[in-house]
Amino acid sequence: MTPMNPRTLTLAEALLLTFIVMTHAWSQDLYDYKKLREAQNWTTISLKTKPANSPDLPLVLLIGDSIAVRYSAEVGTALKDKAYISLLGTSKAAGDPALLDEIKLVLRQNVYSVIHFNLGLHGDVADVRTGLPDVITTLKQYAPNAKLIWATSTPCQQKNDAPDTSVIEKNQAAAEHITKAGVPVNDLYTLVAKHPTKLWDGGGVHYTAEGTAIQSKQVAQAITPLLP
């Protein structure tokens, strides 16, 4: 039998082969996540390291939803002479495998001394019960020397100033895993819920400048004792 002579693929053939290979790879990499995500998903990542000719300060990472995004800048200002503050803000709920990849992406780029994290406003109580252990495991695996702080989720404003039972239930579910893991707690829920004045803005989820300032101050105070 005469052996076949090798030939160079045409451009069209090469493109077709590339498409087939990439399609196969994508089909293998799809997340096995059955829940519908929110209509608009978002991720905000801001990583800070030691600038040239600057003090050798420890790195701190804030993980959370839009509440954390809003107080992150003020935390950075409060700790400007003590640490460099990075942020992973995300709408992903605990239990979403994409969230774990986001966390890994950030933790593989820097060595953090302290990680202050919260995942509560998005998703439901079942997500917290089943997904938070994986978040804690991922943090400990990819940042084994970091000191962790869990922040309770802040309440949303309710009709007639009733308690936010949904957030209360999620905080209670989280507390079981956080206590088991031996992680200290920064109780932002009580800070807001027990404050003598209403701190929400017009939407009832986020906070006025005063509310954000109060939260950022407590976050900075929680982080400071854990800095090396």
Protein backbone atom coordinates (compact mmCIF):
# COMPACT_ATOMS: atom_id res chain seq x y z
CA MET A 1 0.00 0.00 0.00
CA THR A 2 1.32 3.37 -0.92
CA PRO A 3 1.49 5.68 2.13
CA MET A 4 -0.60 8.82 1.99
CA ASN A 5 1.32 12.01 1.48
CA PRO A 6 0.83 14.63 4.17
CA ARG A 7 -0.64 17.90 2.98
CA THR A 8 -1.12 21.34 4.39
CA LEU A 9 -4.63 22.21 5.53
CA THR A 10 -6.35 24.97 3.70
CA LEU A 11 -7.34 28.04 5.69
CA ALA A 12 -10.99 27.00 5.62
CA GLU A 13 -10.12 23.52 6.89
CA ALA A 14 -7.91 24.94 9.64
CA LEU A 15 -10.65 27.29 10.80
CA LEU A 16 -13.19 24.48 10.79
CA LEU A 17 -10.88 22.24 12.83
CA THR A 18 -10.24 25.05 15.31
CA PHE A 19 -13.98 25.63 15.68
CA ILE A 20 -14.61 21.93 16.34
CA VAL A 21 -11.86 21.71 18.95
CA MET A 22 -12.94 24.89 20.74
CA THR A 23 -16.59 23.87 20.69
CA HIS A 24 -15.66 20.53 22.27
CA ALA A 25 -13.59 22.29 24.92
CA TRP A 26 -16.40 24.71 25.74
CA SER A 27 -18.88 21.84 26.02
CA GLN A 28 -16.61 20.20 28.58
CA ASP A 29 -16.09 23.38 30.57
CA LEU A 30 -19.69 24.48 31.07
CA TYR A 31 -20.57 24.90 34.72
CA ASP A 32 -22.91 22.30 36.11
CA TYR A 33 -25.17 24.92 37.70
CA LYS A 34 -28.89 24.31 37.43
CA LYS A 35 -30.16 27.54 39.00
CA LEU A 36 -30.97 30.55 36.88
CA ARG A 37 -28.58 33.38 37.57
CA GLU A 38 -29.84 36.92 37.90
CA ALA A 39 -30.68 38.73 34.67
CA GLN A 40 -27.57 40.88 35.02
CA ASN A 41 -24.46 39.27 36.45
CA TRP A 42 -21.40 41.34 37.24
CA THR A 43 -17.91 41.03 38.65
CA THR A 44 -15.65 43.85 39.79
CA ILE A 45 -11.97 43.11 40.45
CA SER A 46 -9.48 45.70 41.65
CA LEU A 47 -6.12 44.29 42.75
CA LYS A 48 -3.51 46.42 44.47
CA THR A 49 0.07 45.52 45.25
CA LYS A 50 3.03 47.46 46.61
CA PRO A 51 3.77 50.42 44.31
CA ALA A 52 7.38 51.19 43.45
CA ASN A 53 9.27 53.04 46.19
CA SER A 54 6.36 52.60 48.61
CA PRO A 55 6.14 51.02 52.08
CA ASP A 56 6.07 47.23 52.23
CA LEU A 57 2.55 46.93 53.64
CA PRO A 58 0.43 43.74 53.86
CA LEU A 59 -2.23 42.96 51.26
CA VAL A 60 -5.89 42.76 52.24
CA LEU A 61 -8.72 41.40 50.09
CA LEU A 62 -12.38 42.36 50.40
CA ILE A 63 -14.87 39.89 48.90
CA GLY A 64 -18.54 40.74 48.70
CA ASP A 65 -21.48 42.10 46.75
CA SER A 66 -22.35 45.69 45.89
CA ILE A 67 -22.38 46.64 49.58
CA ALA A 68 -18.67 45.74 49.79
CA VAL A 69 -17.98 47.52 46.50
CA ARG A 70 -19.40 50.71 47.96
CA TYR A 71 -17.41 50.66 51.19
CA SER A 72 -14.15 49.34 49.70
CA ALA A 73 -12.72 52.73 48.74
CA GLU A 74 -13.28 54.16 52.21
CA VAL A 75 -11.70 51.09 53.80
CA GLY A 76 -8.68 51.67 51.59
CA THR A 77 -8.50 55.26 52.76
CA ALA A 78 -8.84 54.30 56.43
CA LEU A 79 -6.02 51.74 56.10
CA LYS A 80 -3.84 53.66 53.65
CA ASP A 81 -0.81 53.59 55.98
CA LYS A 82 -1.42 50.03 57.15
CA ALA A 83 -2.34 47.88 54.13
CA TYR A 84 -3.07 47.77 50.40
CA ILE A 85 -6.74 46.95 49.79
CA SER A 86 -7.95 44.80 46.90
CA LEU A 87 -11.55 44.00 45.96
CA LEU A 88 -13.47 41.11 44.44
CA GLY A 89 -17.04 42.31 44.07
CA THR A 90 -19.51 39.87 42.55
CA SER A 91 -23.20 39.14 42.09
CA LYS A 92 -22.54 35.39 42.19
CA ALA A 93 -24.30 33.53 44.99
CA ALA A 94 -22.66 30.98 47.23
CA GLY A 95 -23.06 27.63 45.48
CA ASP A 96 -22.30 29.01 42.03
CA PRO A 97 -19.16 27.24 40.76
CA ALA A 98 -18.26 30.35 38.78
CA LEU A 99 -17.83 32.16 42.09
CA LEU A 100 -15.17 29.69 43.17
CA ASP A 101 -13.28 30.31 39.93
CA GLU A 102 -13.46 34.05 40.50
CA ILE A 103 -12.01 33.59 43.98
CA LYS A 104 -9.25 31.32 42.70
CA LEU A 105 -8.38 33.81 39.95
CA VAL A 106 -7.81 36.55 42.51
CA LEU A 107 -6.05 34.46 45.15
CA ARG A 108 -3.56 33.02 42.65
CA GLN A 109 -2.25 36.50 41.83
CA ASN A 110 -1.32 37.81 45.28
CA VAL A 111 -0.56 36.63 48.80
CA TYR A 112 -3.07 38.20 51.17
CA SER A 113 -2.58 38.65 54.89
CA VAL A 114 -6.27 39.23 55.62
CA ILE A 115 -9.44 38.36 53.70
CA HIS A 116 -12.71 40.02 54.75
CA PHE A 117 -15.59 38.27 52.96
CA ASN A 118 -19.38 38.18 52.68
CA LEU A 119 -21.78 36.53 50.23
CA GLY A 120 -25.31 37.10 51.37
CA LEU A 121 -27.54 39.44 49.41
CA HIS A 122 -27.57 37.27 46.29
CA GLY A 123 -29.05 33.80 46.26
CA ASP A 124 -31.19 32.19 48.95
CA VAL A 125 -30.66 30.46 52.27
CA ALA A 126 -30.17 27.08 50.55
CA ASP A 127 -27.28 28.56 48.56
CA VAL A 128 -25.62 29.66 51.80
CA ARG A 129 -26.14 26.27 53.46
CA THR A 130 -24.72 24.27 50.56
CA GLY A 131 -22.28 26.71 48.99
CA LEU A 132 -20.53 28.55 51.81
CA PRO A 133 -18.46 25.51 52.93
CA ASP A 134 -16.92 25.35 49.45
CA VAL A 135 -16.10 29.06 49.62
CA ILE A 136 -14.36 28.62 52.97
CA THR A 137 -12.47 25.58 51.69
CA THR A 138 -11.34 27.50 48.59
CA LEU A 139 -10.13 30.45 50.67
CA LYS A 140 -8.15 28.19 52.97
CA GLN A 141 -6.70 26.20 50.09
CA TYR A 142 -5.56 29.14 47.96
CA ALA A 143 -4.72 31.52 50.82
CA PRO A 144 -3.58 29.13 53.58
CA ASN A 145 -1.80 31.81 55.61
CA ALA A 146 -4.45 34.51 55.35
CA LYS A 147 -6.55 35.45 58.35
CA LEU A 148 -10.24 35.32 57.51
CA ILE A 149 -13.08 37.57 58.67
CA TRP A 150 -16.71 36.87 57.83
CA ALA A 151 -19.08 39.85 57.57
CA THR A 152 -22.77 39.31 58.18
CA SER A 153 -25.08 40.50 55.42
CA THR A 154 -26.71 43.86 55.89
CA PRO A 155 -30.52 44.08 56.00
CA CYS A 156 -32.71 45.50 53.27
CA GLN A 157 -35.30 48.03 54.31
CA GLN A 158 -38.69 46.41 54.94
CA LYS A 159 -42.22 47.79 55.04
CA ASN A 160 -43.08 49.32 58.42
CA ASP A 161 -39.45 48.79 59.48
CA ALA A 162 -40.02 45.06 59.96
CA PRO A 163 -36.95 42.81 60.35
CA ASP A 164 -35.43 41.46 57.15
CA THR A 165 -36.21 37.80 57.81
CA SER A 166 -34.60 36.62 54.57
CA VAL A 167 -31.21 38.11 55.46
CA ILE A 168 -31.57 36.99 59.08
CA GLU A 169 -32.08 33.39 57.92
CA LYS A 170 -29.07 33.57 55.61
CA ASN A 171 -26.90 35.00 58.36
CA GLN A 172 -28.02 32.23 60.70
CA ALA A 173 -27.25 29.57 58.07
CA ALA A 174 -23.83 31.10 57.48
CA ALA A 175 -23.10 31.24 61.21
CA GLU A 176 -23.14 27.44 61.45
CA HIS A 177 -20.33 27.09 58.90
CA ILE A 178 -18.39 30.14 60.07
CA THR A 179 -18.40 28.96 63.70
CA LYS A 180 -17.32 25.48 62.66
CA ALA A 181 -14.44 26.95 60.64
CA GLY A 182 -13.35 29.15 63.55
CA VAL A 183 -13.64 32.37 61.53
CA PRO A 184 -14.24 35.63 63.45
CA VAL A 185 -17.33 37.67 62.57
CA ASN A 186 -17.77 41.34 61.71
CA ASP A 187 -21.46 41.93 62.46
CA LEU A 188 -22.50 44.52 59.89
CA TYR A 189 -26.13 43.41 60.15
CA THR A 190 -26.48 44.56 63.75
CA LEU A 191 -24.52 47.72 63.01
CA VAL A 192 -27.17 48.78 60.49
CA ALA A 193 -30.30 47.22 62.04
CA LYS A 194 -29.69 48.74 65.48
CA HIS A 195 -28.56 52.15 64.30
CA PRO A 196 -30.76 54.95 65.69
CA THR A 197 -31.35 56.47 62.24
CA LYS A 198 -32.29 54.88 58.93
CA LEU A 199 -29.20 54.48 56.78
CA TRP A 200 -30.70 53.23 53.50
CA ASP A 201 -30.85 55.29 50.36
CA GLY A 202 -34.04 55.51 48.34
CA GLY A 203 -33.74 51.95 46.99
CA GLY A 204 -33.81 50.21 50.36
CA VAL A 205 -30.84 47.95 49.61
CA HIS A 206 -27.84 50.24 49.44
CA TYR A 207 -26.88 52.97 51.84
CA THR A 208 -26.45 56.70 52.08
CA ALA A 209 -22.99 58.22 52.36
CA GLU A 210 -23.40 58.11 56.15
CA GLY A 211 -24.38 54.44 56.09
CA THR A 212 -21.44 53.50 53.89
CA ALA A 213 -19.05 55.49 56.09
CA ILE A 214 -20.27 53.71 59.23
CA GLN A 215 -19.80 50.31 57.61
CA SER A 216 -16.35 51.11 56.19
CA LYS A 217 -15.19 52.30 59.61
CA GLN A 218 -16.23 49.04 61.26
CA VAL A 219 -14.67 46.96 58.46
CA ALA A 220 -11.36 48.80 58.87
CA GLN A 221 -11.54 48.32 62.64
CA ALA A 222 -12.15 44.58 62.20
CA ILE A 223 -9.20 44.19 59.84
CA THR A 224 -6.62 46.24 61.76
CA PRO A 225 -5.95 43.82 64.67
CA LEU A 226 -5.29 40.98 62.21
CA LEU A 227 -2.65 42.80 60.19
CA PRO A 228 0.92 41.53 60.63
